[in-house]
Amino acid sequence: MSNPWQAVPEAPVIFRAQYKVPGTSPLSALLDLGNDCYLIFSPGQGLEGSLPDFVTPNSKLLLLASCVGNTFGIAVWSAEHPDAELFAPDAIHEIFRKSGVVDKLQSIGALAAQMPSHLQIHVPPPNKFHEVWLTDKQDETTFWIIGDAFLNFETVAGNLIKKFLLGLYSIKPGLRLNELFRLGLTDKQKFKEWAVTLFDKANRQVSLPCHWEINAAKDCGEKLKQIINAMV
């Protein structure tokens, strides 16, 4: 059986793997931080026992629950890798109470302190998803690792009725903002002002959303800005 983790083109230190949850198949991301330390962004249930060969029992693992919707795998990953460090936004720590790992959770600030210079954590203004984003700047390209806020589907399966219903939640072909994320923003104007400055960069932008395809088009950064500008 082949290993599910696949290297991202042009970014050999970033890997992605698909996992299953009811109704969808999102992706987790693995980032090589150097010194045999690896960050798992949105660790998915079912991937905890199938890491790439270069990750050994002696490797240091940092597990990040990047938003409300990406919390389900933390407990099983922690059980499989008891020495792993766990991180989540403070606002969602209570979600982990029943799973028994809440006392092991650390803040996003503690995670940021362990990031190498090419990696940066971004915390959007208040939103019900409690999202945390990552950027990995390599040469002249910035790779965006984002949980549920942005979607990028090449195709959407199903009949016309299903596609129509999914479209109400922005689940349709193309790079777009998740409508549920937009509705969950406390202050849409504040988010817009914050996000536009992030994507207003001279270097090339590549989107790596958990849902779904990579967007490495030359105009990806401009497209992200257009989406943000059109949201309010």
C-alpha atoms as a PDB file:
ATOM      1  CA  MET A   1       0.000   0.000   0.000  1.00  0.00           C
ATOM      2  CA  SER A   2       1.464   3.358  -1.033  1.00  0.00           C
ATOM      3  CA  ASN A   3       1.987   6.084   1.523  1.00  0.00           C
ATOM      4  CA  PRO A   4      -0.854   8.647   1.384  1.00  0.00           C
ATOM      5  CA  TRP A   5       1.415  11.663   1.872  1.00  0.00           C
ATOM      6  CA  GLN A   6       2.341  13.413  -1.365  1.00  0.00           C
ATOM      7  CA  ALA A   7       4.874  16.220  -1.744  1.00  0.00           C
ATOM      8  CA  VAL A   8       3.495  19.533  -2.953  1.00  0.00           C
ATOM      9  CA  PRO A   9       4.975  20.538  -6.336  1.00  0.00           C
ATOM     10  CA  GLU A  10       7.608  23.268  -5.930  1.00  0.00           C
ATOM     11  CA  ALA A  11       7.474  22.827  -2.128  1.00  0.00           C
ATOM     12  CA  PRO A  12       9.412  19.665  -1.199  1.00  0.00           C
ATOM     13  CA  VAL A  13       9.055  20.363   2.546  1.00  0.00           C
ATOM     14  CA  ILE A  14       5.225  20.333   2.405  1.00  0.00           C
ATOM     15  CA  PHE A  15       3.215  17.128   2.077  1.00  0.00           C
ATOM     16  CA  ARG A  16      -0.543  16.556   1.915  1.00  0.00           C
ATOM     17  CA  ALA A  17      -2.692  13.480   2.558  1.00  0.00           C
ATOM     18  CA  GLN A  18      -6.395  12.829   2.144  1.00  0.00           C
ATOM     19  CA  TYR A  19      -8.606  11.358   4.866  1.00  0.00           C
ATOM     20  CA  LYS A  20     -12.289  10.536   5.204  1.00  0.00           C
ATOM     21  CA  VAL A  21     -15.019  12.197   7.243  1.00  0.00           C
ATOM     22  CA  PRO A  22     -18.770  11.870   6.631  1.00  0.00           C
ATOM     23  CA  GLY A  23     -19.680  13.619   3.411  1.00  0.00           C
ATOM     24  CA  THR A  24     -16.233  14.776   2.330  1.00  0.00           C
ATOM     25  CA  SER A  25     -12.533  13.925   1.993  1.00  0.00           C
ATOM     26  CA  PRO A  26     -10.393  16.816   3.273  1.00  0.00           C
ATOM     27  CA  LEU A  27      -6.614  16.941   3.426  1.00  0.00           C
ATOM     28  CA  SER A  28      -4.055  17.243   6.183  1.00  0.00           C
ATOM     29  CA  ALA A  29      -0.724  18.970   5.615  1.00  0.00           C
ATOM     30  CA  LEU A  30       2.705  18.020   6.955  1.00  0.00           C
ATOM     31  CA  LEU A  31       5.448  20.644   7.067  1.00  0.00           C
ATOM     32  CA  ASP A  32       9.112  19.881   7.663  1.00  0.00           C
ATOM     33  CA  LEU A  33      10.357  22.462  10.181  1.00  0.00           C
ATOM     34  CA  GLY A  34      13.922  21.187  10.175  1.00  0.00           C
ATOM     35  CA  ASN A  35      15.912  19.408  12.900  1.00  0.00           C
ATOM     36  CA  ASP A  36      13.647  16.337  12.594  1.00  0.00           C
ATOM     37  CA  CYS A  37      10.593  18.336  13.682  1.00  0.00           C
ATOM     38  CA  TYR A  38       7.295  18.206  11.774  1.00  0.00           C
ATOM     39  CA  LEU A  39       4.060  20.167  11.993  1.00  0.00           C
ATOM     40  CA  ILE A  40       0.799  18.404  11.128  1.00  0.00           C
ATOM     41  CA  PHE A  41      -1.817  20.969  10.078  1.00  0.00           C
ATOM     42  CA  SER A  42      -5.349  19.638  10.708  1.00  0.00           C
ATOM     43  CA  PRO A  43      -4.361  16.038  11.541  1.00  0.00           C
ATOM     44  CA  GLY A  44      -6.975  13.749  10.019  1.00  0.00           C
ATOM     45  CA  GLN A  45      -8.260  10.589  11.647  1.00  0.00           C
ATOM     46  CA  GLY A  46      -6.887   7.532   9.861  1.00  0.00           C
ATOM     47  CA  LEU A  47      -3.555   9.127   8.915  1.00  0.00           C
ATOM     48  CA  GLU A  48      -1.941   8.849  12.337  1.00  0.00           C
ATOM     49  CA  GLY A  49      -0.328   5.472  11.572  1.00  0.00           C
ATOM     50  CA  SER A  50       0.882   6.168   8.039  1.00  0.00           C
ATOM     51  CA  LEU A  51       3.415   8.978   8.192  1.00  0.00           C
ATOM     52  CA  PRO A  52       6.174   9.273   5.564  1.00  0.00           C
ATOM     53  CA  ASP A  53       9.244   7.095   6.123  1.00  0.00           C
ATOM     54  CA  PHE A  54      11.433  10.057   7.050  1.00  0.00           C
ATOM     55  CA  VAL A  55       9.275  10.649  10.156  1.00  0.00           C
ATOM     56  CA  THR A  56      10.639   8.249  12.774  1.00  0.00           C
ATOM     57  CA  PRO A  57       9.616   7.369  16.353  1.00  0.00           C
ATOM     58  CA  ASN A  58      12.287   9.840  17.492  1.00  0.00           C
ATOM     59  CA  SER A  59      10.934  12.712  15.403  1.00  0.00           C
ATOM     60  CA  LYS A  60       9.252  15.635  17.123  1.00  0.00           C
ATOM     61  CA  LEU A  61       5.613  16.128  16.099  1.00  0.00           C
ATOM     62  CA  LEU A  62       3.544  19.289  16.522  1.00  0.00           C
ATOM     63  CA  LEU A  63      -0.193  18.751  15.964  1.00  0.00           C
ATOM     64  CA  LEU A  64      -2.348  21.775  15.093  1.00  0.00           C
ATOM     65  CA  ALA A  65      -6.150  21.768  15.186  1.00  0.00           C
ATOM     66  CA  SER A  66      -6.465  24.697  12.804  1.00  0.00           C
ATOM     67  CA  CYS A  67     -10.174  25.457  13.289  1.00  0.00           C
ATOM     68  CA  VAL A  68     -13.433  24.149  14.783  1.00  0.00           C
ATOM     69  CA  GLY A  69     -14.007  21.758  11.893  1.00  0.00           C
ATOM     70  CA  ASN A  70     -10.557  20.184  12.088  1.00  0.00           C
ATOM     71  CA  THR A  71     -10.540  18.856  15.644  1.00  0.00           C
ATOM     72  CA  PHE A  72     -11.638  15.242  15.235  1.00  0.00           C
ATOM     73  CA  GLY A  73      -8.221  13.697  14.638  1.00  0.00           C
ATOM     74  CA  ILE A  74      -6.308  15.237  17.537  1.00  0.00           C
ATOM     75  CA  ALA A  75      -7.237  12.587  20.132  1.00  0.00           C
ATOM     76  CA  VAL A  76      -6.340   9.586  17.942  1.00  0.00           C
ATOM     77  CA  TRP A  77      -3.099  11.208  16.819  1.00  0.00           C
ATOM     78  CA  SER A  78      -2.222  11.956  20.436  1.00  0.00           C
ATOM     79  CA  ALA A  79      -2.900   8.333  21.389  1.00  0.00           C
ATOM     80  CA  GLU A  80      -0.699   7.087  18.526  1.00  0.00           C
ATOM     81  CA  HIS A  81       2.039   9.653  19.244  1.00  0.00           C
ATOM     82  CA  PRO A  82       1.891  10.364  23.005  1.00  0.00           C
ATOM     83  CA  ASP A  83       4.965  12.617  22.916  1.00  0.00           C
ATOM     84  CA  ALA A  84       3.495  14.917  20.274  1.00  0.00           C
ATOM     85  CA  GLU A  85       2.785  18.513  21.251  1.00  0.00           C
ATOM     86  CA  LEU A  86      -0.816  19.655  20.732  1.00  0.00           C
ATOM     87  CA  PHE A  87      -1.934  23.141  19.702  1.00  0.00           C
ATOM     88  CA  ALA A  88      -5.303  24.787  19.087  1.00  0.00           C
ATOM     89  CA  PRO A  89      -6.852  28.256  19.300  1.00  0.00           C
ATOM     90  CA  ASP A  90      -7.797  29.004  22.921  1.00  0.00           C
ATOM     91  CA  ALA A  91     -11.463  29.447  21.956  1.00  0.00           C
ATOM     92  CA  ILE A  92     -11.816  25.780  20.964  1.00  0.00           C
ATOM     93  CA  HIS A  93      -9.877  24.121  23.793  1.00  0.00           C
ATOM     94  CA  GLU A  94     -13.118  23.169  25.545  1.00  0.00           C
ATOM     95  CA  ILE A  95     -14.112  21.032  22.543  1.00  0.00           C
ATOM     96  CA  PHE A  96     -11.398  18.587  23.580  1.00  0.00           C
ATOM     97  CA  ARG A  97     -12.679  18.145  27.147  1.00  0.00           C
ATOM     98  CA  LYS A  98     -14.352  14.771  26.492  1.00  0.00           C
ATOM     99  CA  SER A  99     -11.409  13.419  24.488  1.00  0.00           C
ATOM    100  CA  GLY A 100      -9.081  13.767  27.467  1.00  0.00           C
ATOM    101  CA  VAL A 101      -6.408  15.852  25.737  1.00  0.00           C
ATOM    102  CA  VAL A 102      -7.504  19.331  26.816  1.00  0.00           C
ATOM    103  CA  ASP A 103      -4.813  19.535  29.504  1.00  0.00           C
ATOM    104  CA  LYS A 104      -2.104  18.889  26.889  1.00  0.00           C
ATOM    105  CA  LEU A 105      -3.210  21.688  24.567  1.00  0.00           C
ATOM    106  CA  GLN A 106      -0.969  24.697  24.090  1.00  0.00           C
ATOM    107  CA  SER A 107      -1.754  28.121  22.670  1.00  0.00           C
ATOM    108  CA  ILE A 108      -1.154  29.319  19.130  1.00  0.00           C
ATOM    109  CA  GLY A 109       1.404  31.724  20.556  1.00  0.00           C
ATOM    110  CA  ALA A 110       3.410  28.789  21.898  1.00  0.00           C
ATOM    111  CA  LEU A 111       3.357  27.217  18.441  1.00  0.00           C
ATOM    112  CA  ALA A 112       4.433  30.454  16.764  1.00  0.00           C
ATOM    113  CA  ALA A 113       7.488  30.522  19.018  1.00  0.00           C
ATOM    114  CA  GLN A 114       8.657  27.236  17.462  1.00  0.00           C
ATOM    115  CA  MET A 115       8.267  28.281  13.829  1.00  0.00           C
ATOM    116  CA  PRO A 116      11.344  28.757  11.621  1.00  0.00           C
ATOM    117  CA  SER A 117      11.713  32.108   9.884  1.00  0.00           C
ATOM    118  CA  HIS A 118      10.121  30.995   6.599  1.00  0.00           C
ATOM    119  CA  LEU A 119       6.909  29.892   8.338  1.00  0.00           C
ATOM    120  CA  GLN A 120       4.376  32.336   9.736  1.00  0.00           C
ATOM    121  CA  ILE A 121       1.092  31.884  11.603  1.00  0.00           C
ATOM    122  CA  HIS A 122      -1.869  34.140  10.798  1.00  0.00           C
ATOM    123  CA  VAL A 123      -4.911  34.462  13.067  1.00  0.00           C
ATOM    124  CA  PRO A 124      -7.899  36.057  11.284  1.00  0.00           C
ATOM    125  CA  PRO A 125     -10.127  38.532  13.153  1.00  0.00           C
ATOM    126  CA  PRO A 126     -12.847  36.904  15.319  1.00  0.00           C
ATOM    127  CA  ASN A 127     -14.862  34.260  13.493  1.00  0.00           C
ATOM    128  CA  LYS A 128     -16.965  31.271  14.546  1.00  0.00           C
ATOM    129  CA  PHE A 129     -14.583  28.865  12.784  1.00  0.00           C
ATOM    130  CA  HIS A 130     -11.666  30.132  14.952  1.00  0.00           C
ATOM    131  CA  GLU A 131      -9.332  29.668  11.991  1.00  0.00           C
ATOM    132  CA  VAL A 132      -5.545  29.660  12.058  1.00  0.00           C
ATOM    133  CA  TRP A 133      -3.649  29.944   8.758  1.00  0.00           C
ATOM    134  CA  LEU A 134      -0.031  29.246   7.874  1.00  0.00           C
ATOM    135  CA  THR A 135       2.257  30.654   5.224  1.00  0.00           C
ATOM    136  CA  ASP A 136       5.490  29.061   4.071  1.00  0.00           C
ATOM    137  CA  LYS A 137       7.665  31.444   2.071  1.00  0.00           C
ATOM    138  CA  GLN A 138      10.084  29.624  -0.199  1.00  0.00           C
ATOM    139  CA  ASP A 139      12.203  31.719  -2.558  1.00  0.00           C
ATOM    140  CA  GLU A 140       9.720  34.018  -4.328  1.00  0.00           C
ATOM    141  CA  THR A 141       6.601  31.942  -3.628  1.00  0.00           C
ATOM    142  CA  THR A 142       4.303  32.039  -0.596  1.00  0.00           C
ATOM    143  CA  PHE A 143       2.317  28.865   0.095  1.00  0.00           C
ATOM    144  CA  TRP A 144      -0.943  29.352   2.009  1.00  0.00           C
ATOM    145  CA  ILE A 145      -2.109  26.431   4.173  1.00  0.00           C
ATOM    146  CA  ILE A 146      -5.740  27.149   5.091  1.00  0.00           C
ATOM    147  CA  GLY A 147      -8.364  25.022   6.848  1.00  0.00           C
ATOM    148  CA  ASP A 148     -12.015  25.671   6.022  1.00  0.00           C
ATOM    149  CA  ALA A 149     -12.103  29.360   5.047  1.00  0.00           C
ATOM    150  CA  PHE A 150     -11.247  28.845   1.376  1.00  0.00           C
ATOM    151  CA  LEU A 151     -12.330  26.058  -0.967  1.00  0.00           C
ATOM    152  CA  ASN A 152     -10.998  25.032  -4.366  1.00  0.00           C
ATOM    153  CA  PHE A 153     -12.813  22.238  -6.201  1.00  0.00           C
ATOM    154  CA  GLU A 154     -12.059  21.427  -9.838  1.00  0.00           C
ATOM    155  CA  THR A 155     -15.330  19.513 -10.111  1.00  0.00           C
ATOM    156  CA  VAL A 156     -18.287  18.709  -7.851  1.00  0.00           C
ATOM    157  CA  ALA A 157     -19.984  15.328  -8.228  1.00  0.00           C
ATOM    158  CA  GLY A 158     -23.735  14.751  -8.028  1.00  0.00           C
ATOM    159  CA  ASN A 159     -26.968  15.531  -9.829  1.00  0.00           C
ATOM    160  CA  LEU A 160     -28.241  19.036 -10.505  1.00  0.00           C
ATOM    161  CA  ILE A 161     -30.206  19.232  -7.251  1.00  0.00           C
ATOM    162  CA  LYS A 162     -27.212  18.147  -5.157  1.00  0.00           C
ATOM    163  CA  LYS A 163     -24.918  20.573  -6.963  1.00  0.00           C
ATOM    164  CA  PHE A 164     -27.409  23.396  -6.400  1.00  0.00           C
ATOM    165  CA  LEU A 165     -27.651  22.661  -2.676  1.00  0.00           C
ATOM    166  CA  LEU A 166     -23.871  22.381  -2.319  1.00  0.00           C
ATOM    167  CA  GLY A 167     -23.509  25.630  -4.232  1.00  0.00           C
ATOM    168  CA  LEU A 168     -25.451  27.441  -1.520  1.00  0.00           C
ATOM    169  CA  TYR A 169     -22.463  26.717   0.744  1.00  0.00           C
ATOM    170  CA  SER A 170     -19.888  27.716  -1.898  1.00  0.00           C
ATOM    171  CA  ILE A 171     -19.134  24.074  -2.719  1.00  0.00           C
ATOM    172  CA  LYS A 172     -18.807  24.450  -6.463  1.00  0.00           C
ATOM    173  CA  PRO A 173     -15.925  24.515  -8.926  1.00  0.00           C
ATOM    174  CA  GLY A 174     -13.281  27.193  -8.514  1.00  0.00           C
ATOM    175  CA  LEU A 175     -11.392  29.021  -5.797  1.00  0.00           C
ATOM    176  CA  ARG A 176     -13.812  30.738  -3.421  1.00  0.00           C
ATOM    177  CA  LEU A 177     -14.483  31.811   0.156  1.00  0.00           C
ATOM    178  CA  ASN A 178     -16.492  29.334   2.224  1.00  0.00           C
ATOM    179  CA  GLU A 179     -19.926  30.917   2.656  1.00  0.00           C
ATOM    180  CA  LEU A 180     -20.289  29.471   6.168  1.00  0.00           C
ATOM    181  CA  PHE A 181     -16.973  31.052   7.134  1.00  0.00           C
ATOM    182  CA  ARG A 182     -18.135  34.412   5.746  1.00  0.00           C
ATOM    183  CA  LEU A 183     -21.396  34.211   7.691  1.00  0.00           C
ATOM    184  CA  GLY A 184     -19.467  33.369  10.855  1.00  0.00           C
ATOM    185  CA  LEU A 185     -17.292  36.488  10.758  1.00  0.00           C
ATOM    186  CA  THR A 186     -17.954  38.870  13.641  1.00  0.00           C
ATOM    187  CA  ASP A 187     -16.846  41.910  11.619  1.00  0.00           C
ATOM    188  CA  LYS A 188     -16.685  41.315   7.867  1.00  0.00           C
ATOM    189  CA  GLN A 189     -15.175  44.715   7.101  1.00  0.00           C
ATOM    190  CA  LYS A 190     -12.391  44.196   9.619  1.00  0.00           C
ATOM    191  CA  PHE A 191     -11.624  40.772   8.133  1.00  0.00           C
ATOM    192  CA  LYS A 192     -11.589  42.246   4.629  1.00  0.00           C
ATOM    193  CA  GLU A 193      -9.098  44.951   5.582  1.00  0.00           C
ATOM    194  CA  TRP A 194      -6.894  42.395   7.351  1.00  0.00           C
ATOM    195  CA  ALA A 195      -6.950  39.736   4.623  1.00  0.00           C
ATOM    196  CA  VAL A 196      -6.432  42.019   1.626  1.00  0.00           C
ATOM    197  CA  THR A 197      -3.114  43.236   3.031  1.00  0.00           C
ATOM    198  CA  LEU A 198      -1.954  39.632   3.463  1.00  0.00           C
ATOM    199  CA  PHE A 199      -2.601  38.707  -0.144  1.00  0.00           C
ATOM    200  CA  ASP A 200      -1.307  42.028  -1.492  1.00  0.00           C
ATOM    201  CA  LYS A 201       2.215  40.738  -1.997  1.00  0.00           C
ATOM    202  CA  ALA A 202       4.647  41.102  -4.860  1.00  0.00           C
ATOM    203  CA  ASN A 203       5.681  37.457  -4.741  1.00  0.00           C
ATOM    204  CA  ARG A 204       3.715  34.543  -6.166  1.00  0.00           C
ATOM    205  CA  GLN A 205       0.885  33.080  -4.064  1.00  0.00           C
ATOM    206  CA  VAL A 206      -0.147  29.393  -3.996  1.00  0.00           C
ATOM    207  CA  SER A 207      -3.259  28.219  -2.135  1.00  0.00           C
ATOM    208  CA  LEU A 208      -3.232  24.845  -0.324  1.00  0.00           C
ATOM    209  CA  PRO A 209      -6.731  24.541   1.177  1.00  0.00           C
ATOM    210  CA  CYS A 210      -7.807  21.512   3.180  1.00  0.00           C
ATOM    211  CA  HIS A 211     -10.761  21.467   0.752  1.00  0.00           C
ATOM    212  CA  TRP A 212      -9.340  20.672  -1.859  1.00  0.00           C
ATOM    213  CA  GLU A 213      -7.119  21.152  -4.926  1.00  0.00           C
ATOM    214  CA  ILE A 214      -3.958  23.235  -4.928  1.00  0.00           C
ATOM    215  CA  ASN A 215      -4.293  26.521  -6.801  1.00  0.00           C
ATOM    216  CA  ALA A 216      -0.907  27.430  -8.251  1.00  0.00           C
ATOM    217  CA  ALA A 217      -2.168  29.692 -11.032  1.00  0.00           C
ATOM    218  CA  LYS A 218      -0.136  32.821 -11.701  1.00  0.00           C
ATOM    219  CA  ASP A 219      -3.119  34.955 -10.720  1.00  0.00           C
ATOM    220  CA  CYS A 220      -3.910  33.055  -7.492  1.00  0.00           C
ATOM    221  CA  GLY A 221      -2.940  35.984  -5.255  1.00  0.00           C
ATOM    222  CA  GLU A 222      -4.964  38.427  -7.335  1.00  0.00           C
ATOM    223  CA  LYS A 223      -7.921  36.032  -7.310  1.00  0.00           C
ATOM    224  CA  LEU A 224      -7.767  35.768  -3.509  1.00  0.00           C
ATOM    225  CA  LYS A 225      -7.805  39.567  -3.247  1.00  0.00           C
ATOM    226  CA  GLN A 226     -10.786  39.782  -5.589  1.00  0.00           C
ATOM    227  CA  ILE A 227     -12.689  37.238  -3.500  1.00  0.00           C
ATOM    228  CA  ILE A 228     -11.989  39.195  -0.309  1.00  0.00           C
ATOM    229  CA  ASN A 229     -12.889  42.543  -1.870  1.00  0.00           C
ATOM    230  CA  ALA A 230     -16.206  41.153  -3.115  1.00  0.00           C
ATOM    231  CA  MET A 231     -17.312  39.687   0.206  1.00  0.00           C
ATOM    232  CA  VAL A 232     -18.885  42.869   1.653  1.00  0.00           C
END
